[in-house]
PDB file of all heavy atoms in Angstrom:
ATOM      1  N   ASP A   1      39.463  46.350  74.769  1.00  0.00           N
ATOM      2  CA  ASP A   1      38.284  45.887  75.497  1.00  0.00           C
ATOM      3  C   ASP A   1      37.469  44.910  74.668  1.00  0.00           C
ATOM      4  O   ASP A   1      36.979  43.898  75.154  1.00  0.00           O
ATOM      5  CB  ASP A   1      37.414  47.084  75.893  1.00  0.00           C
ATOM      6  CG  ASP A   1      38.084  47.943  76.955  1.00  0.00           C
ATOM      7  OD1 ASP A   1      38.979  47.427  77.662  1.00  0.00           O
ATOM      8  OD2 ASP A   1      37.698  49.110  77.073  1.00  0.00           O
ATOM      9  N   THR A   2      37.306  45.216  73.386  1.00  0.00           N
ATOM     10  CA  THR A   2      36.541  44.330  72.508  1.00  0.00           C
ATOM     11  C   THR A   2      37.235  42.997  72.365  1.00  0.00           C
ATOM     12  O   THR A   2      36.613  41.941  72.339  1.00  0.00           O
ATOM     13  CB  THR A   2      36.364  44.984  71.132  1.00  0.00           C
ATOM     14  OG1 THR A   2      35.743  46.243  71.294  1.00  0.00           O
ATOM     15  CG2 THR A   2      35.488  44.107  70.245  1.00  0.00           C
ATOM     16  N   ASN A   3      38.569  43.044  72.280  1.00  0.00           N
ATOM     17  CA  ASN A   3      39.355  41.818  72.128  1.00  0.00           C
ATOM     18  C   ASN A   3      39.141  40.903  73.326  1.00  0.00           C
ATOM     19  O   ASN A   3      39.008  39.689  73.191  1.00  0.00           O
ATOM     20  CB  ASN A   3      40.827  42.184  71.975  1.00  0.00           C
ATOM     21  CG  ASN A   3      41.655  41.017  71.492  1.00  0.00           C
ATOM     22  OD1 ASN A   3      41.155  40.158  70.787  1.00  0.00           O
ATOM     23  ND2 ASN A   3      42.908  41.004  71.870  1.00  0.00           N
ATOM     24  N   VAL A   4      39.068  41.495  74.522  1.00  0.00           N
ATOM     25  CA  VAL A   4      38.843  40.717  75.739  1.00  0.00           C
ATOM     26  C   VAL A   4      37.452  40.081  75.700  1.00  0.00           C
ATOM     27  O   VAL A   4      37.269  38.916  76.032  1.00  0.00           O
ATOM     28  CB  VAL A   4      38.985  41.621  76.990  1.00  0.00           C
ATOM     29  CG1 VAL A   4      38.516  40.879  78.241  1.00  0.00           C
ATOM     30  CG2 VAL A   4      40.437  42.052  77.148  1.00  0.00           C
ATOM     31  N   SER A   5      36.425  40.849  75.212  1.00  0.00           N
ATOM     32  CA  SER A   5      35.068  40.311  75.135  1.00  0.00           C
ATOM     33  C   SER A   5      35.005  39.129  74.198  1.00  0.00           C
ATOM     34  O   SER A   5      34.413  38.098  74.510  1.00  0.00           O
ATOM     35  CB  SER A   5      34.108  41.414  74.657  1.00  0.00           C
ATOM     36  OG  SER A   5      34.095  42.484  75.553  1.00  0.00           O
ATOM     37  N   PHE A   6      35.636  39.267  73.038  1.00  0.00           N
ATOM     38  CA  PHE A   6      35.611  38.162  72.084  1.00  0.00           C
ATOM     39  C   PHE A   6      36.387  36.965  72.629  1.00  0.00           C
ATOM     40  O   PHE A   6      36.005  35.820  72.435  1.00  0.00           O
ATOM     41  CB  PHE A   6      36.196  38.610  70.758  1.00  0.00           C
ATOM     42  CG  PHE A   6      36.362  37.470  69.791  1.00  0.00           C
ATOM     43  CD1 PHE A   6      35.262  36.758  69.353  1.00  0.00           C
ATOM     44  CD2 PHE A   6      37.618  37.097  69.342  1.00  0.00           C
ATOM     45  CE1 PHE A   6      35.398  35.704  68.480  1.00  0.00           C
ATOM     46  CE2 PHE A   6      37.767  36.046  68.461  1.00  0.00           C
ATOM     47  CZ  PHE A   6      36.654  35.351  68.029  1.00  0.00           C
ATOM     48  N   SER A   7      37.487  37.248  73.351  1.00  0.00           N
ATOM     49  CA  SER A   7      38.296  36.162  73.906  1.00  0.00           C
ATOM     50  C   SER A   7      37.458  35.321  74.858  1.00  0.00           C
ATOM     51  O   SER A   7      37.514  34.099  74.824  1.00  0.00           O
ATOM     52  CB  SER A   7      39.511  36.741  74.644  1.00  0.00           C
ATOM     53  OG  SER A   7      40.232  35.723  75.287  1.00  0.00           O
ATOM     54  N   VAL A   8      36.642  35.965  75.699  1.00  0.00           N
ATOM     55  CA  VAL A   8      35.793  35.231  76.635  1.00  0.00           C
ATOM     56  C   VAL A   8      34.791  34.386  75.871  1.00  0.00           C
ATOM     57  O   VAL A   8      34.586  33.203  76.165  1.00  0.00           O
ATOM     58  CB  VAL A   8      35.066  36.217  77.581  1.00  0.00           C
ATOM     59  CG1 VAL A   8      34.018  35.478  78.420  1.00  0.00           C
ATOM     60  CG2 VAL A   8      36.074  36.916  78.482  1.00  0.00           C
ATOM     61  N   LEU A   9      34.153  34.966  74.846  1.00  0.00           N
ATOM     62  CA  LEU A   9      33.167  34.242  74.043  1.00  0.00           C
ATOM     63  C   LEU A   9      33.792  33.056  73.334  1.00  0.00           C
ATOM     64  O   LEU A   9      33.276  31.953  73.359  1.00  0.00           O
ATOM     65  CB  LEU A   9      32.551  35.205  73.018  1.00  0.00           C
ATOM     66  CG  LEU A   9      31.568  34.620  72.017  1.00  0.00           C
ATOM     67  CD1 LEU A   9      30.298  34.190  72.722  1.00  0.00           C
ATOM     68  CD2 LEU A   9      31.242  35.649  70.934  1.00  0.00           C
ATOM     69  N   PHE A  10      34.945  33.280  72.733  1.00  0.00           N
ATOM     70  CA  PHE A  10      35.606  32.259  71.914  1.00  0.00           C
ATOM     71  C   PHE A  10      36.214  31.159  72.787  1.00  0.00           C
ATOM     72  O   PHE A  10      36.046  29.972  72.532  1.00  0.00           O
ATOM     73  CB  PHE A  10      36.697  32.947  71.082  1.00  0.00           C
ATOM     74  CG  PHE A  10      37.343  32.058  70.060  1.00  0.00           C
ATOM     75  CD1 PHE A  10      36.727  31.793  68.854  1.00  0.00           C
ATOM     76  CD2 PHE A  10      38.596  31.503  70.299  1.00  0.00           C
ATOM     77  CE1 PHE A  10      37.325  30.990  67.896  1.00  0.00           C
ATOM     78  CE2 PHE A  10      39.212  30.696  69.355  1.00  0.00           C
ATOM     79  CZ  PHE A  10      38.568  30.442  68.150  1.00  0.00           C
ATOM     80  N   ASP A  11      36.909  31.562  73.834  1.00  0.00           N
ATOM     81  CA  ASP A  11      37.648  30.597  74.655  1.00  0.00           C
ATOM     82  C   ASP A  11      36.748  29.757  75.551  1.00  0.00           C
ATOM     83  O   ASP A  11      37.107  28.634  75.904  1.00  0.00           O
ATOM     84  CB  ASP A  11      38.691  31.328  75.527  1.00  0.00           C
ATOM     85  CG  ASP A  11      39.825  31.902  74.684  1.00  0.00           C
ATOM     86  OD1 ASP A  11      39.953  31.512  73.509  1.00  0.00           O
ATOM     87  OD2 ASP A  11      40.576  32.729  75.213  1.00  0.00           O
ATOM     88  N   HIS A  12      35.559  30.281  75.910  1.00  0.00           N
ATOM     89  CA  HIS A  12      34.725  29.576  76.880  1.00  0.00           C
ATOM     90  C   HIS A  12      33.448  29.011  76.261  1.00  0.00           C
ATOM     91  O   HIS A  12      32.566  28.555  76.974  1.00  0.00           O
ATOM     92  CB  HIS A  12      34.365  30.501  78.042  1.00  0.00           C
ATOM     93  CG  HIS A  12      35.577  30.944  78.836  1.00  0.00           C
ATOM     94  ND1 HIS A  12      36.204  30.141  79.768  1.00  0.00           N
ATOM     95  CD2 HIS A  12      36.307  32.094  78.785  1.00  0.00           C
ATOM     96  CE1 HIS A  12      37.248  30.791  80.274  1.00  0.00           C
ATOM     97  NE2 HIS A  12      37.326  31.970  79.691  1.00  0.00           N
ATOM     98  N   ALA A  13      33.323  29.064  74.934  1.00  0.00           N
ATOM     99  CA  ALA A  13      32.159  28.464  74.276  1.00  0.00           C
ATOM    100  C   ALA A  13      32.125  26.963  74.538  1.00  0.00           C
ATOM    101  O   ALA A  13      33.159  26.298  74.542  1.00  0.00           O
ATOM    102  CB  ALA A  13      32.214  28.741  72.774  1.00  0.00           C
ATOM    103  N   SER A  14      30.912  26.431  74.742  1.00  0.00           N
ATOM    104  CA  SER A  14      30.784  25.004  75.047  1.00  0.00           C
ATOM    105  C   SER A  14      30.574  24.183  73.780  1.00  0.00           C
ATOM    106  O   SER A  14      29.841  23.195  73.780  1.00  0.00           O
ATOM    107  CB  SER A  14      29.620  24.783  76.008  1.00  0.00           C
ATOM    108  OG  SER A  14      28.423  25.281  75.453  1.00  0.00           O
ATOM    109  N   MET A  15      31.182  24.602  72.706  1.00  0.00           N
ATOM    110  CA  MET A  15      31.203  23.845  71.465  1.00  0.00           C
ATOM    111  C   MET A  15      32.506  24.162  70.737  1.00  0.00           C
ATOM    112  O   MET A  15      33.135  25.192  71.008  1.00  0.00           O
ATOM    113  CB  MET A  15      30.001  24.206  70.575  1.00  0.00           C
ATOM    114  CG  MET A  15      30.034  25.621  70.024  1.00  0.00           C
ATOM    115  SD  MET A  15      28.750  25.916  68.780  1.00  0.00           S
ATOM    116  CE  MET A  15      27.288  25.725  69.767  1.00  0.00           C
ATOM    117  N   GLY A  16      32.941  23.260  69.878  1.00  0.00           N
ATOM    118  CA  GLY A  16      34.160  23.498  69.131  1.00  0.00           C
ATOM    119  C   GLY A  16      33.950  24.569  68.069  1.00  0.00           C
ATOM    120  O   GLY A  16      32.947  24.547  67.356  1.00  0.00           O
ATOM    121  N   ILE A  17      34.870  25.521  67.974  1.00  0.00           N
ATOM    122  CA  ILE A  17      34.790  26.578  66.956  1.00  0.00           C
ATOM    123  C   ILE A  17      36.090  26.572  66.159  1.00  0.00           C
ATOM    124  O   ILE A  17      37.188  26.570  66.722  1.00  0.00           O
ATOM    125  CB  ILE A  17      34.576  27.970  67.581  1.00  0.00           C
ATOM    126  CG1 ILE A  17      33.345  27.962  68.496  1.00  0.00           C
ATOM    127  CG2 ILE A  17      34.426  29.033  66.495  1.00  0.00           C
ATOM    128  CD1 ILE A  17      33.117  29.267  69.219  1.00  0.00           C
ATOM    129  N   LEU A  18      35.946  26.603  64.846  1.00  0.00           N
ATOM    130  CA  LEU A  18      37.091  26.564  63.945  1.00  0.00           C
ATOM    131  C   LEU A  18      36.904  27.631  62.877  1.00  0.00           C
ATOM    132  O   LEU A  18      35.795  27.802  62.354  1.00  0.00           O
ATOM    133  CB  LEU A  18      37.191  25.172  63.306  1.00  0.00           C
ATOM    134  CG  LEU A  18      38.259  24.898  62.245  1.00  0.00           C
ATOM    135  CD1 LEU A  18      38.634  23.422  62.271  1.00  0.00           C
ATOM    136  CD2 LEU A  18      37.755  25.250  60.837  1.00  0.00           C
ATOM    137  N   VAL A  19      37.962  28.370  62.555  1.00  0.00           N
ATOM    138  CA  VAL A  19      37.934  29.367  61.488  1.00  0.00           C
ATOM    139  C   VAL A  19      38.925  28.948  60.407  1.00  0.00           C
ATOM    140  O   VAL A  19      40.079  28.617  60.713  1.00  0.00           O
ATOM    141  CB  VAL A  19      38.298  30.771  62.020  1.00  0.00           C
ATOM    142  CG1 VAL A  19      38.266  31.789  60.883  1.00  0.00           C
ATOM    143  CG2 VAL A  19      37.333  31.189  63.121  1.00  0.00           C
ATOM    144  N   ALA A  20      38.466  28.911  59.152  1.00  0.00           N
ATOM    145  CA  ALA A  20      39.340  28.526  58.032  1.00  0.00           C
ATOM    146  C   ALA A  20      39.248  29.574  56.943  1.00  0.00           C
ATOM    147  O   ALA A  20      38.253  30.290  56.817  1.00  0.00           O
ATOM    148  CB  ALA A  20      38.927  27.156  57.482  1.00  0.00           C
ATOM    149  N   ASN A  21      40.326  29.661  56.145  1.00  0.00           N
ATOM    150  CA  ASN A  21      40.313  30.607  55.031  1.00  0.00           C
ATOM    151  C   ASN A  21      39.754  29.942  53.777  1.00  0.00           C
ATOM    152  O   ASN A  21      39.345  28.786  53.800  1.00  0.00           O
ATOM    153  CB  ASN A  21      41.699  31.189  54.791  1.00  0.00           C
ATOM    154  CG  ASN A  21      42.736  30.104  54.471  1.00  0.00           C
ATOM    155  OD1 ASN A  21      42.380  29.009  54.026  1.00  0.00           O
ATOM    156  ND2 ASN A  21      44.004  30.410  54.693  1.00  0.00           N
ATOM    157  N   GLU A  22      39.754  30.694  52.659  1.00  0.00           N
ATOM    158  CA  GLU A  22      39.165  30.183  51.420  1.00  0.00           C
ATOM    159  C   GLU A  22      39.926  28.973  50.881  1.00  0.00           C
ATOM    160  O   GLU A  22      39.374  28.178  50.121  1.00  0.00           O
ATOM    161  CB  GLU A  22      39.141  31.283  50.357  1.00  0.00           C
ATOM    162  CG  GLU A  22      38.122  32.377  50.633  1.00  0.00           C
ATOM    163  CD  GLU A  22      38.083  33.420  49.527  1.00  0.00           C
ATOM    164  OE1 GLU A  22      38.939  34.309  49.533  1.00  0.00           O
ATOM    165  OE2 GLU A  22      37.202  33.325  48.659  1.00  0.00           O
ATOM    166  N   GLN A  23      41.185  28.832  51.255  1.00  0.00           N
ATOM    167  CA  GLN A  23      41.982  27.696  50.784  1.00  0.00           C
ATOM    168  C   GLN A  23      41.728  26.436  51.627  1.00  0.00           C
ATOM    169  O   GLN A  23      42.300  25.387  51.360  1.00  0.00           O
ATOM    170  CB  GLN A  23      43.480  28.030  50.809  1.00  0.00           C
ATOM    171  CG  GLN A  23      43.899  29.080  49.770  1.00  0.00           C
ATOM    172  CD  GLN A  23      43.434  30.473  50.124  1.00  0.00           C
ATOM    173  OE1 GLN A  23      43.514  30.880  51.281  1.00  0.00           O
ATOM    174  NE2 GLN A  23      42.915  31.202  49.143  1.00  0.00           N
ATOM    175  N   GLY A  24      40.854  26.555  52.634  1.00  0.00           N
ATOM    176  CA  GLY A  24      40.559  25.404  53.469  1.00  0.00           C
ATOM    177  C   GLY A  24      41.604  25.154  54.537  1.00  0.00           C
ATOM    178  O   GLY A  24      41.672  24.051  55.090  1.00  0.00           O
ATOM    179  N   LEU A  25      42.435  26.165  54.835  1.00  0.00           N
ATOM    180  CA  LEU A  25      43.451  26.023  55.882  1.00  0.00           C
ATOM    181  C   LEU A  25      42.921  26.572  57.205  1.00  0.00           C
ATOM    182  O   LEU A  25      42.257  27.612  57.239  1.00  0.00           O
ATOM    183  CB  LEU A  25      44.733  26.762  55.480  1.00  0.00           C
ATOM    184  CG  LEU A  25      45.417  26.272  54.200  1.00  0.00           C
ATOM    185  CD1 LEU A  25      46.659  27.093  53.924  1.00  0.00           C
ATOM    186  CD2 LEU A  25      45.758  24.790  54.289  1.00  0.00           C
ATOM    187  N   ILE A  26      43.222  25.897  58.286  1.00  0.00           N
ATOM    188  CA  ILE A  26      42.740  26.299  59.605  1.00  0.00           C
ATOM    189  C   ILE A  26      43.480  27.549  60.065  1.00  0.00           C
ATOM    190  O   ILE A  26      44.714  27.597  60.069  1.00  0.00           O
ATOM    191  CB  ILE A  26      42.931  25.165  60.619  1.00  0.00           C
ATOM    192  CG1 ILE A  26      42.118  23.938  60.187  1.00  0.00           C
ATOM    193  CG2 ILE A  26      42.520  25.616  62.012  1.00  0.00           C
ATOM    194  CD1 ILE A  26      42.396  22.691  61.003  1.00  0.00           C
ATOM    195  N   VAL A  27      42.719  28.580  60.478  1.00  0.00           N
ATOM    196  CA  VAL A  27      43.293  29.849  60.925  1.00  0.00           C
ATOM    197  C   VAL A  27      43.206  29.980  62.445  1.00  0.00           C
ATOM    198  O   VAL A  27      44.133  30.447  63.088  1.00  0.00           O
ATOM    199  CB  VAL A  27      42.568  31.028  60.237  1.00  0.00           C
ATOM    200  CG1 VAL A  27      43.068  32.355  60.795  1.00  0.00           C
ATOM    201  CG2 VAL A  27      42.771  30.977  58.729  1.00  0.00           C
ATOM    202  N   MET A  28      42.086  29.572  63.010  1.00  0.00           N
ATOM    203  CA  MET A  28      41.878  29.686  64.452  1.00  0.00           C
ATOM    204  C   MET A  28      41.113  28.465  64.949  1.00  0.00           C
ATOM    205  O   MET A  28      40.267  27.922  64.241  1.00  0.00           O
ATOM    206  CB  MET A  28      41.077  30.956  64.816  1.00  0.00           C
ATOM    207  CG  MET A  28      41.713  32.275  64.441  1.00  0.00           C
ATOM    208  SD  MET A  28      40.565  33.661  64.764  1.00  0.00           S
ATOM    209  CE  MET A  28      40.449  33.579  66.541  1.00  0.00           C
ATOM    210  N   VAL A  29      41.390  28.038  66.182  1.00  0.00           N
ATOM    211  CA  VAL A  29      40.624  26.993  66.858  1.00  0.00           C
ATOM    212  C   VAL A  29      40.487  27.381  68.329  1.00  0.00           C
ATOM    213  O   VAL A  29      41.396  27.988  68.898  1.00  0.00           O
ATOM    214  CB  VAL A  29      41.301  25.605  66.750  1.00  0.00           C
ATOM    215  CG1 VAL A  29      41.150  25.039  65.349  1.00  0.00           C
ATOM    216  CG2 VAL A  29      42.778  25.681  67.117  1.00  0.00           C
ATOM    217  N   ASN A  30      39.342  27.057  68.921  1.00  0.00           N
ATOM    218  CA  ASN A  30      39.186  27.398  70.332  1.00  0.00           C
ATOM    219  C   ASN A  30      39.564  26.209  71.222  1.00  0.00           C
ATOM    220  O   ASN A  30      39.684  25.073  70.748  1.00  0.00           O
ATOM    221  CB  ASN A  30      37.761  27.899  70.614  1.00  0.00           C
ATOM    222  CG  ASN A  30      36.740  26.775  70.613  1.00  0.00           C
ATOM    223  OD1 ASN A  30      36.975  25.732  70.014  1.00  0.00           O
ATOM    224  ND2 ASN A  30      35.609  26.987  71.263  1.00  0.00           N
ATOM    225  N   PRO A  31      39.772  26.446  72.516  1.00  0.00           N
ATOM    226  CA  PRO A  31      40.207  25.363  73.403  1.00  0.00           C
ATOM    227  C   PRO A  31      39.255  24.172  73.423  1.00  0.00           C
ATOM    228  O   PRO A  31      39.700  23.031  73.541  1.00  0.00           O
ATOM    229  CB  PRO A  31      40.267  26.053  74.776  1.00  0.00           C
ATOM    230  CG  PRO A  31      40.511  27.492  74.462  1.00  0.00           C
ATOM    231  CD  PRO A  31      39.766  27.760  73.208  1.00  0.00           C
TER     232      PRO A  31
END
């Protein structure tokens, strides 16, 4: 259930969201 909530927040945000690790490599990006 929590995963679905975060998916809605992440996938439908009206701004670009990017997650990177300490090495500066991209881990996640939203649509």
